[in-house]
Amino acid sequence: MRKLFLALVITLTPSSLYAQNPVVDRVDIQISKQSTPSVLATQFSIPIASFVCGQTPTVLPPATINPTQVEYQDLTDSTKVCRGNLGNNLNSLPADTYIAVAVFHYSDGSAGGTSNPSNPFIRFIYLILQGLKFIK
């Protein structure tokens, strides 16, 4: 009787109890011009492993020009943030003011909801002086 009871417990235990919860494996960033937020300008993914969590939040300057990093609220400590590098993902954007949203993607292929829009940031392209000549 004891063996039968053990077999029934194993058989009737939901398989979901043995399944692991999916984990975030990347963050998709979607960028739009601030003037036309419904029109996507570019999008890219950042692997979650490249973010460093437990960081002190950045105090935003009046204007963020050519940002190099992105941060979101740390899921384990709401007083901290996770910060990742943007790399060269913004280099193809023309000069303008932009906003971004982010979506977590999980190891099981599912996606979370879309974040609130980011603070506006400016993509500024430095001009190169052309036609410099020294004359007499």
N, C-alpha and C. Protein backbone atom coordinates (compact mmCIF):
# COMPACT_ATOMS: atom_id res chain seq x y z
N MET A 1 0.82 -1.19 0.00
CA MET A 1 0.00 0.00 0.00
C MET A 1 0.87 1.26 0.00
N ARG A 2 1.98 1.21 0.70
CA ARG A 2 2.86 2.36 0.79
C ARG A 2 3.44 2.72 -0.58
N LYS A 3 3.83 1.74 -1.38
CA LYS A 3 4.37 2.00 -2.71
C LYS A 3 3.32 2.62 -3.62
N LEU A 4 2.09 2.17 -3.51
CA LEU A 4 1.01 2.70 -4.32
C LEU A 4 0.75 4.17 -4.00
N PHE A 5 0.77 4.54 -2.73
CA PHE A 5 0.55 5.92 -2.31
C PHE A 5 1.63 6.83 -2.89
N LEU A 6 2.89 6.42 -2.81
CA LEU A 6 3.99 7.19 -3.36
C LEU A 6 3.84 7.35 -4.86
N ALA A 7 3.43 6.31 -5.54
CA ALA A 7 3.23 6.37 -6.98
C ALA A 7 2.11 7.34 -7.33
N LEU A 8 1.04 7.37 -6.57
CA LEU A 8 -0.06 8.29 -6.81
C LEU A 8 0.35 9.73 -6.57
N VAL A 9 1.14 9.96 -5.54
CA VAL A 9 1.60 11.32 -5.27
C VAL A 9 2.45 11.83 -6.42
N ILE A 10 3.36 11.02 -6.91
CA ILE A 10 4.22 11.42 -8.03
C ILE A 10 3.38 11.61 -9.29
N THR A 11 2.45 10.73 -9.53
CA THR A 11 1.62 10.81 -10.73
C THR A 11 0.69 12.01 -10.71
N LEU A 12 0.15 12.35 -9.57
CA LEU A 12 -0.84 13.42 -9.49
C LEU A 12 -0.25 14.80 -9.20
N THR A 13 1.04 14.88 -8.98
CA THR A 13 1.68 16.17 -8.74
C THR A 13 1.77 16.92 -10.07
N PRO A 14 1.27 18.14 -10.14
CA PRO A 14 1.32 18.89 -11.40
C PRO A 14 2.76 19.06 -11.89
N SER A 15 2.94 18.89 -13.17
CA SER A 15 4.29 19.03 -13.74
C SER A 15 4.79 20.46 -13.64
N SER A 16 3.86 21.42 -13.50
CA SER A 16 4.29 22.82 -13.40
C SER A 16 5.11 23.07 -12.14
N LEU A 17 4.94 22.22 -11.12
CA LEU A 17 5.74 22.39 -9.92
C LEU A 17 7.21 22.11 -10.19
N TYR A 18 7.49 21.30 -11.18
CA TYR A 18 8.87 20.96 -11.51
C TYR A 18 9.47 21.89 -12.56
N ALA A 19 8.63 22.66 -13.23
CA ALA A 19 9.12 23.55 -14.27
C ALA A 19 9.80 24.76 -13.64
N GLN A 20 10.86 25.23 -14.27
CA GLN A 20 11.54 26.42 -13.78
C GLN A 20 10.86 27.65 -14.34
N ASN A 21 10.83 28.71 -13.55
CA ASN A 21 10.28 29.96 -14.03
C ASN A 21 11.19 30.52 -15.12
N PRO A 22 10.62 31.11 -16.17
CA PRO A 22 11.47 31.70 -17.20
C PRO A 22 12.22 32.90 -16.63
N VAL A 23 13.39 33.16 -17.17
CA VAL A 23 14.20 34.29 -16.72
C VAL A 23 14.36 35.27 -17.88
N VAL A 24 14.56 36.53 -17.54
CA VAL A 24 14.78 37.55 -18.56
C VAL A 24 16.11 37.25 -19.24
N ASP A 25 16.10 37.22 -20.58
CA ASP A 25 17.38 36.99 -21.27
C ASP A 25 17.82 38.16 -22.14
N ARG A 26 16.90 39.10 -22.43
CA ARG A 26 17.30 40.29 -23.18
C ARG A 26 16.28 41.40 -22.97
N VAL A 27 16.74 42.62 -23.27
CA VAL A 27 15.88 43.79 -23.23
C VAL A 27 15.84 44.35 -24.65
N ASP A 28 14.64 44.47 -25.21
CA ASP A 28 14.49 45.10 -26.52
C ASP A 28 14.19 46.58 -26.30
N ILE A 29 14.96 47.43 -26.96
CA ILE A 29 14.79 48.87 -26.87
C ILE A 29 14.19 49.35 -28.19
N GLN A 30 13.10 50.10 -28.10
CA GLN A 30 12.43 50.66 -29.28
C GLN A 30 12.47 52.17 -29.18
N ILE A 31 13.05 52.82 -30.18
CA ILE A 31 13.27 54.26 -30.14
C ILE A 31 12.43 54.95 -31.21
N SER A 32 11.80 56.06 -30.80
CA SER A 32 10.99 56.88 -31.71
C SER A 32 11.34 58.35 -31.50
N LYS A 33 11.08 59.16 -32.53
CA LYS A 33 11.24 60.60 -32.35
C LYS A 33 10.20 61.07 -31.35
N GLN A 34 10.57 62.03 -30.53
CA GLN A 34 9.63 62.54 -29.54
C GLN A 34 8.41 63.17 -30.23
N SER A 35 8.61 63.76 -31.40
CA SER A 35 7.51 64.42 -32.12
C SER A 35 6.55 63.42 -32.76
N THR A 36 7.00 62.19 -33.00
CA THR A 36 6.15 61.14 -33.60
C THR A 36 6.36 59.83 -32.86
N PRO A 37 5.89 59.72 -31.63
CA PRO A 37 6.18 58.53 -30.82
C PRO A 37 5.62 57.22 -31.36
N SER A 38 4.64 57.29 -32.24
CA SER A 38 4.07 56.05 -32.79
C SER A 38 4.87 55.51 -33.98
N VAL A 39 5.86 56.26 -34.45
CA VAL A 39 6.68 55.83 -35.59
C VAL A 39 8.04 55.38 -35.08
N LEU A 40 8.34 54.10 -35.27
CA LEU A 40 9.59 53.52 -34.79
C LEU A 40 10.77 54.02 -35.63
N ALA A 41 11.79 54.57 -34.97
CA ALA A 41 13.00 55.04 -35.66
C ALA A 41 14.03 53.92 -35.76
N THR A 42 14.18 53.16 -34.67
CA THR A 42 15.10 52.02 -34.66
C THR A 42 14.77 51.15 -33.45
N GLN A 43 15.24 49.93 -33.50
CA GLN A 43 15.12 49.04 -32.34
C GLN A 43 16.32 48.11 -32.31
N PHE A 44 16.66 47.66 -31.12
CA PHE A 44 17.79 46.75 -30.94
C PHE A 44 17.62 46.03 -29.62
N SER A 45 18.38 44.97 -29.44
CA SER A 45 18.33 44.18 -28.21
C SER A 45 19.65 44.29 -27.47
N ILE A 46 19.55 44.25 -26.14
CA ILE A 46 20.72 44.21 -25.28
C ILE A 46 20.60 42.97 -24.41
N PRO A 47 21.59 42.07 -24.44
CA PRO A 47 21.52 40.87 -23.59
C PRO A 47 21.46 41.26 -22.11
N ILE A 48 20.62 40.59 -21.36
CA ILE A 48 20.45 40.93 -19.94
C ILE A 48 21.77 40.75 -19.18
N ALA A 49 22.61 39.84 -19.63
CA ALA A 49 23.89 39.60 -18.95
C ALA A 49 24.82 40.80 -19.01
N SER A 50 24.58 41.73 -19.94
CA SER A 50 25.46 42.90 -20.04
C SER A 50 25.04 44.04 -19.11
N PHE A 51 23.91 43.88 -18.40
CA PHE A 51 23.48 44.88 -17.43
C PHE A 51 24.12 44.60 -16.08
N VAL A 52 24.47 45.65 -15.37
CA VAL A 52 25.00 45.54 -14.01
C VAL A 52 23.95 46.12 -13.08
N CYS A 53 23.44 45.30 -12.16
CA CYS A 53 22.38 45.74 -11.24
C CYS A 53 22.98 46.19 -9.91
N GLY A 54 22.12 46.78 -9.08
CA GLY A 54 22.56 47.26 -7.77
C GLY A 54 23.28 48.59 -7.83
N GLN A 55 23.09 49.33 -8.93
CA GLN A 55 23.77 50.61 -9.12
C GLN A 55 22.93 51.76 -8.55
N THR A 56 23.59 52.84 -8.17
CA THR A 56 22.90 54.04 -7.72
C THR A 56 22.26 54.72 -8.93
N PRO A 57 20.99 55.13 -8.84
CA PRO A 57 20.34 55.77 -9.98
C PRO A 57 21.05 57.06 -10.39
N THR A 58 21.04 57.34 -11.69
CA THR A 58 21.62 58.55 -12.23
C THR A 58 20.67 59.71 -12.02
N VAL A 59 21.22 60.85 -11.62
CA VAL A 59 20.43 62.08 -11.55
C VAL A 59 20.43 62.65 -12.97
N LEU A 60 19.25 62.79 -13.55
CA LEU A 60 19.17 63.23 -14.93
C LEU A 60 19.55 64.70 -15.08
N PRO A 61 20.39 65.00 -16.08
CA PRO A 61 20.70 66.40 -16.37
C PRO A 61 19.50 67.03 -17.09
N PRO A 62 19.50 68.36 -17.25
CA PRO A 62 18.39 69.01 -17.96
C PRO A 62 18.19 68.45 -19.37
N ALA A 63 19.27 68.07 -20.02
CA ALA A 63 19.17 67.46 -21.35
C ALA A 63 20.20 66.34 -21.44
N THR A 64 19.78 65.19 -21.96
CA THR A 64 20.70 64.08 -22.17
C THR A 64 21.06 64.07 -23.65
N ILE A 65 22.33 64.35 -23.93
CA ILE A 65 22.79 64.43 -25.32
C ILE A 65 23.69 63.23 -25.60
N ASN A 66 23.39 62.52 -26.70
CA ASN A 66 24.15 61.35 -27.13
C ASN A 66 24.41 60.38 -25.97
N PRO A 67 23.34 59.80 -25.43
CA PRO A 67 23.51 58.89 -24.29
C PRO A 67 24.35 57.67 -24.67
N THR A 68 25.05 57.13 -23.68
CA THR A 68 25.89 55.95 -23.90
C THR A 68 25.42 54.77 -23.06
N GLN A 69 24.51 55.02 -22.11
CA GLN A 69 24.03 53.96 -21.24
C GLN A 69 22.51 54.04 -21.09
N VAL A 70 21.93 52.93 -20.67
CA VAL A 70 20.50 52.85 -20.38
C VAL A 70 20.35 52.19 -19.03
N GLU A 71 19.33 52.61 -18.27
CA GLU A 71 19.12 51.98 -16.97
C GLU A 71 17.63 51.77 -16.72
N TYR A 72 17.33 50.77 -15.90
CA TYR A 72 15.96 50.50 -15.49
C TYR A 72 15.99 50.12 -14.01
N GLN A 73 14.83 50.22 -13.36
CA GLN A 73 14.74 49.94 -11.93
C GLN A 73 15.10 48.48 -11.66
N ASP A 74 16.00 48.28 -10.70
CA ASP A 74 16.44 46.95 -10.30
C ASP A 74 15.23 46.17 -9.77
N LEU A 75 15.01 44.97 -10.29
CA LEU A 75 13.85 44.18 -9.91
C LEU A 75 13.95 43.62 -8.49
N THR A 76 15.17 43.60 -7.93
CA THR A 76 15.34 43.07 -6.58
C THR A 76 15.50 44.15 -5.51
N ASP A 77 15.72 45.40 -5.92
CA ASP A 77 15.88 46.51 -4.98
C ASP A 77 15.39 47.78 -5.67
N SER A 78 14.22 48.24 -5.28
CA SER A 78 13.60 49.38 -5.97
C SER A 78 14.34 50.70 -5.77
N THR A 79 15.33 50.73 -4.88
CA THR A 79 16.12 51.95 -4.69
C THR A 79 17.35 51.97 -5.60
N LYS A 80 17.56 50.91 -6.35
CA LYS A 80 18.74 50.78 -7.22
C LYS A 80 18.29 50.61 -8.67
N VAL A 81 19.25 50.64 -9.58
CA VAL A 81 18.98 50.43 -11.00
C VAL A 81 19.92 49.40 -11.58
N CYS A 82 19.55 48.89 -12.75
CA CYS A 82 20.42 48.05 -13.56
C CYS A 82 20.84 48.91 -14.74
N ARG A 83 22.14 48.89 -15.07
CA ARG A 83 22.66 49.78 -16.10
C ARG A 83 23.40 48.97 -17.16
N GLY A 84 23.14 49.32 -18.42
CA GLY A 84 23.81 48.66 -19.54
C GLY A 84 24.30 49.67 -20.56
N ASN A 85 25.26 49.26 -21.37
CA ASN A 85 25.83 50.14 -22.40
C ASN A 85 25.02 50.06 -23.68
N LEU A 86 24.85 51.20 -24.33
CA LEU A 86 24.14 51.26 -25.60
C LEU A 86 25.04 50.90 -26.79
N GLY A 87 26.34 50.91 -26.57
CA GLY A 87 27.26 50.63 -27.68
C GLY A 87 27.08 51.66 -28.77
N ASN A 88 27.08 51.21 -30.01
CA ASN A 88 26.91 52.14 -31.14
C ASN A 88 25.49 52.08 -31.71
N ASN A 89 24.53 51.62 -30.93
CA ASN A 89 23.17 51.43 -31.42
C ASN A 89 22.45 52.72 -31.81
N LEU A 90 22.91 53.86 -31.32
CA LEU A 90 22.26 55.13 -31.67
C LEU A 90 22.95 55.86 -32.82
N ASN A 91 24.08 55.34 -33.27
CA ASN A 91 24.87 56.05 -34.28
C ASN A 91 24.15 56.26 -35.60
N SER A 92 23.20 55.40 -35.94
CA SER A 92 22.51 55.54 -37.22
C SER A 92 21.36 56.54 -37.17
N LEU A 93 21.02 57.03 -35.99
CA LEU A 93 19.90 57.97 -35.87
C LEU A 93 20.31 59.36 -36.33
N PRO A 94 19.46 60.04 -37.11
CA PRO A 94 19.75 61.43 -37.46
C PRO A 94 19.57 62.33 -36.24
N ALA A 95 20.10 63.52 -36.31
CA ALA A 95 19.98 64.47 -35.20
C ALA A 95 18.50 64.77 -34.95
N ASP A 96 18.07 64.63 -33.71
CA ASP A 96 16.69 64.90 -33.32
C ASP A 96 16.55 64.60 -31.83
N THR A 97 15.34 64.76 -31.32
CA THR A 97 15.03 64.41 -29.94
C THR A 97 14.20 63.14 -29.95
N TYR A 98 14.57 62.18 -29.11
CA TYR A 98 13.97 60.85 -29.13
C TYR A 98 13.46 60.45 -27.74
N ILE A 99 12.60 59.44 -27.73
CA ILE A 99 12.18 58.75 -26.52
C ILE A 99 12.29 57.25 -26.81
N ALA A 100 12.29 56.45 -25.77
CA ALA A 100 12.42 55.00 -25.95
C ALA A 100 11.48 54.27 -25.00
N VAL A 101 11.13 53.05 -25.38
CA VAL A 101 10.44 52.12 -24.50
C VAL A 101 11.23 50.82 -24.54
N ALA A 102 11.00 49.98 -23.53
CA ALA A 102 11.73 48.71 -23.46
C ALA A 102 10.76 47.57 -23.17
N VAL A 103 11.14 46.38 -23.62
CA VAL A 103 10.36 45.17 -23.38
C VAL A 103 11.32 44.08 -22.94
N PHE A 104 11.02 43.43 -21.80
CA PHE A 104 11.79 42.27 -21.36
C PHE A 104 11.38 41.06 -22.20
N HIS A 105 12.35 40.27 -22.63
CA HIS A 105 12.08 38.99 -23.30
C HIS A 105 12.65 37.88 -22.42
N TYR A 106 11.89 36.80 -22.31
CA TYR A 106 12.21 35.71 -21.39
C TYR A 106 12.77 34.49 -22.10
N SER A 107 13.41 33.63 -21.31
CA SER A 107 14.06 32.43 -21.84
C SER A 107 13.08 31.46 -22.49
N ASP A 108 11.80 31.54 -22.16
CA ASP A 108 10.82 30.64 -22.77
C ASP A 108 10.20 31.23 -24.05
N GLY A 109 10.71 32.38 -24.51
CA GLY A 109 10.22 33.00 -25.73
C GLY A 109 9.12 34.02 -25.51
N SER A 110 8.63 34.16 -24.28
CA SER A 110 7.57 35.12 -24.01
C SER A 110 8.16 36.51 -23.80
N ALA A 111 7.28 37.50 -23.82
CA ALA A 111 7.70 38.89 -23.63
C ALA A 111 6.83 39.54 -22.58
N GLY A 112 7.41 40.48 -21.86
CA GLY A 112 6.66 41.25 -20.87
C GLY A 112 5.96 42.42 -21.55
N GLY A 113 5.33 43.24 -20.77
CA GLY A 113 4.67 44.43 -21.30
C GLY A 113 5.69 45.50 -21.65
N THR A 114 5.23 46.51 -22.35
CA THR A 114 6.08 47.63 -22.74
C THR A 114 6.22 48.60 -21.57
N SER A 115 7.42 49.09 -21.37
CA SER A 115 7.69 50.04 -20.28
C SER A 115 7.03 51.38 -20.56
N ASN A 116 7.05 52.24 -19.57
CA ASN A 116 6.67 53.63 -19.79
C ASN A 116 7.75 54.27 -20.66
N PRO A 117 7.43 55.36 -21.36
CA PRO A 117 8.46 56.03 -22.17
C PRO A 117 9.60 56.57 -21.31
N SER A 118 10.78 56.57 -21.88
CA SER A 118 11.96 57.10 -21.20
C SER A 118 11.92 58.62 -21.17
N ASN A 119 12.89 59.18 -20.50
CA ASN A 119 13.11 60.62 -20.59
C ASN A 119 13.54 60.94 -22.02
N PRO A 120 13.21 62.14 -22.54
CA PRO A 120 13.68 62.50 -23.88
C PRO A 120 15.21 62.60 -23.89
N PHE A 121 15.79 62.24 -25.02
CA PHE A 121 17.24 62.41 -25.19
C PHE A 121 17.50 62.93 -26.59
N ILE A 122 18.64 63.59 -26.73
CA ILE A 122 18.98 64.26 -27.99
C ILE A 122 20.11 63.50 -28.67
N ARG A 123 19.92 63.24 -29.94
CA ARG A 123 21.01 62.69 -30.77
C ARG A 123 21.58 63.89 -31.51
N PHE A 124 22.81 64.23 -31.15
CA PHE A 124 23.47 65.39 -31.74
C PHE A 124 24.63 64.88 -32.58
N ILE A 125 24.73 65.38 -33.80
CA ILE A 125 25.82 64.98 -34.69
C ILE A 125 26.78 66.16 -34.81
N TYR A 126 28.01 65.91 -34.40
CA TYR A 126 29.01 66.96 -34.46
C TYR A 126 29.45 67.15 -35.91
N LEU A 127 29.48 68.39 -36.32
CA LEU A 127 29.88 68.71 -37.69
C LEU A 127 31.39 68.76 -37.80
N ILE A 128 31.89 68.40 -38.96
CA ILE A 128 33.33 68.47 -39.23
C ILE A 128 33.55 69.66 -40.14
N LEU A 129 34.45 70.51 -39.73
CA LEU A 129 34.77 71.69 -40.51
C LEU A 129 35.34 71.27 -41.87
N GLN A 130 34.81 71.81 -42.92
CA GLN A 130 35.23 71.48 -44.28
C GLN A 130 35.92 72.67 -44.92
N GLY A 131 36.82 72.40 -45.83
CA GLY A 131 37.43 73.46 -46.65
C GLY A 131 38.34 74.42 -45.90
N LEU A 132 39.00 73.94 -44.87
CA LEU A 132 39.91 74.83 -44.11
C LEU A 132 41.14 75.13 -44.96
N LYS A 133 41.44 76.44 -45.11
CA LYS A 133 42.62 76.87 -45.88
C LYS A 133 43.31 78.02 -45.17
N PHE A 134 44.60 78.03 -45.25
CA PHE A 134 45.37 79.15 -44.76
C PHE A 134 45.84 79.92 -45.99
N ILE A 135 45.60 81.21 -46.00
CA ILE A 135 45.95 82.00 -47.19
C ILE A 135 46.79 83.21 -46.78
N LYS A 136 47.42 83.82 -47.77
CA LYS A 136 48.24 85.00 -47.52
C LYS A 136 47.50 86.23 -47.93
